Amino acid sequence: MAQIFDPIPSDAEVYMLCCYVNATSKIQIVRITNIPNWYFERVVFPGQRLVFESLPTAQLEIHSGMMASAILADTISCDRLRIEAELEAGFEMDALAAVE
């Protein structure tokens, strides 16, 4: 999956597909700031699903609030947001590699 605006750093060897859902009734801003040379920030509307590529060590910060303020509400490790279908596909690929 290509990310047009903020591609993962080119020296990254491992990345994964993640999904975050804004289950609140407020607009949220999500950020990844702990990866050197990479800044990821998106606005996520109530009920919206955000699918993105990330590094396993990345931490997704969830900022929520009203009009002109935002408060860090939560931080989630991106490996907890990894899409299960990708995990299953990874196991299938490992099994195919072992057979060859």
Protein backbone atom coordinates (compact mmCIF):
# COMPACT_ATOMS: atom_id res chain seq x y z
CA MET A 1 0.00 0.00 0.00
CA ALA A 2 1.56 3.28 -1.07
CA GLN A 3 1.40 6.28 1.20
CA ILE A 4 1.68 9.34 -0.96
CA PHE A 5 2.41 12.04 1.61
CA ASP A 6 4.53 10.39 4.30
CA PRO A 7 6.26 7.27 3.01
CA ILE A 8 7.98 5.00 5.49
CA PRO A 9 11.74 5.72 5.68
CA SER A 10 13.49 4.07 2.74
CA ASP A 11 15.93 2.21 5.00
CA ALA A 12 13.09 0.31 6.71
CA GLU A 13 13.43 -3.43 6.16
CA VAL A 14 10.23 -4.51 7.90
CA TYR A 15 6.88 -2.79 7.87
CA MET A 16 3.31 -3.86 8.48
CA LEU A 17 -0.24 -2.94 7.56
CA CYS A 18 -2.23 -1.46 10.46
CA CYS A 19 -5.76 -0.31 11.11
CA TYR A 20 -7.10 2.18 13.66
CA VAL A 21 -10.81 2.97 14.14
CA ASN A 22 -12.02 6.15 15.79
CA ALA A 23 -14.82 4.71 17.95
CA THR A 24 -15.54 8.05 19.62
CA SER A 25 -17.90 10.86 18.68
CA LYS A 26 -15.04 13.38 18.39
CA ILE A 27 -12.53 14.15 15.66
CA GLN A 28 -9.10 12.75 16.50
CA ILE A 29 -5.60 13.50 15.28
CA VAL A 30 -3.30 10.48 15.18
CA ARG A 31 0.48 10.79 14.99
CA ILE A 32 3.57 8.64 14.90
CA THR A 33 6.52 10.65 16.16
CA ASN A 34 8.94 8.08 17.58
CA ILE A 35 10.49 6.96 14.26
CA PRO A 36 13.53 9.02 13.15
CA ASN A 37 13.19 10.77 9.76
CA TRP A 38 9.46 10.02 9.59
CA TYR A 39 6.46 12.03 10.68
CA PHE A 40 2.98 10.60 10.24
CA GLU A 41 -0.15 12.59 11.10
CA ARG A 42 -3.76 12.14 10.03
CA VAL A 43 -7.19 13.45 11.01
CA VAL A 44 -9.63 10.64 11.82
CA PHE A 45 -13.32 11.45 11.92
CA PRO A 46 -15.81 9.68 14.22
CA GLY A 47 -16.43 6.14 12.98
CA GLN A 48 -13.67 6.39 10.37
CA ARG A 49 -11.22 3.55 9.80
CA LEU A 50 -7.60 4.49 9.04
CA VAL A 51 -5.46 1.88 7.29
CA PHE A 52 -1.75 2.67 7.12
CA GLU A 53 1.72 1.17 6.84
CA SER A 54 3.98 1.37 9.85
CA LEU A 55 7.14 0.04 11.44
CA PRO A 56 6.69 -2.53 14.24
CA THR A 57 8.30 -0.21 16.79
CA ALA A 58 6.06 2.76 15.99
CA GLN A 59 3.74 4.23 18.61
CA LEU A 60 0.44 5.74 17.46
CA GLU A 61 -0.51 8.79 19.53
CA ILE A 62 -4.23 9.56 19.70
CA HIS A 63 -5.02 13.24 20.26
CA SER A 64 -8.59 14.34 20.85
CA GLY A 65 -10.30 17.46 22.04
CA MET A 66 -12.42 20.41 21.09
CA MET A 67 -11.96 23.35 18.72
CA ALA A 68 -8.50 24.85 19.39
CA SER A 69 -7.10 22.30 21.81
CA ALA A 70 -5.96 18.71 21.60
CA ILE A 71 -5.03 16.40 24.44
CA LEU A 72 -2.96 13.23 24.15
CA ALA A 73 -5.64 10.70 25.02
CA ASP A 74 -3.80 7.43 24.35
CA THR A 75 -0.70 5.83 22.84
CA ILE A 76 -1.00 2.46 21.12
CA SER A 77 1.84 0.28 19.89
CA CYS A 78 1.37 -0.22 16.15
CA ASP A 79 2.07 -3.94 16.43
CA ARG A 80 -1.26 -4.14 18.33
CA LEU A 81 -2.99 -2.49 15.35
CA ARG A 82 -1.62 -4.94 12.79
CA ILE A 83 -4.27 -6.30 10.47
CA GLU A 84 -4.96 -9.99 11.11
CA ALA A 85 -5.22 -10.85 7.41
CA GLU A 86 -1.64 -9.69 7.02
CA LEU A 87 -0.57 -11.90 9.92
CA GLU A 88 -2.24 -14.91 8.29
CA ALA A 89 -0.68 -14.08 4.91
CA GLY A 90 2.72 -13.82 6.60
CA PHE A 91 2.32 -17.30 8.06
CA GLU A 92 1.29 -18.64 4.65
CA MET A 93 4.34 -17.02 3.05
CA ASP A 94 6.59 -18.53 5.75
CA ALA A 95 5.11 -21.96 5.09
CA LEU A 96 5.64 -21.60 1.31
CA ALA A 97 9.24 -20.52 1.84
CA ALA A 98 9.88 -23.57 4.05
CA VAL A 99 8.51 -25.91 1.35
CA GLU A 100 10.66 -24.49 -1.46
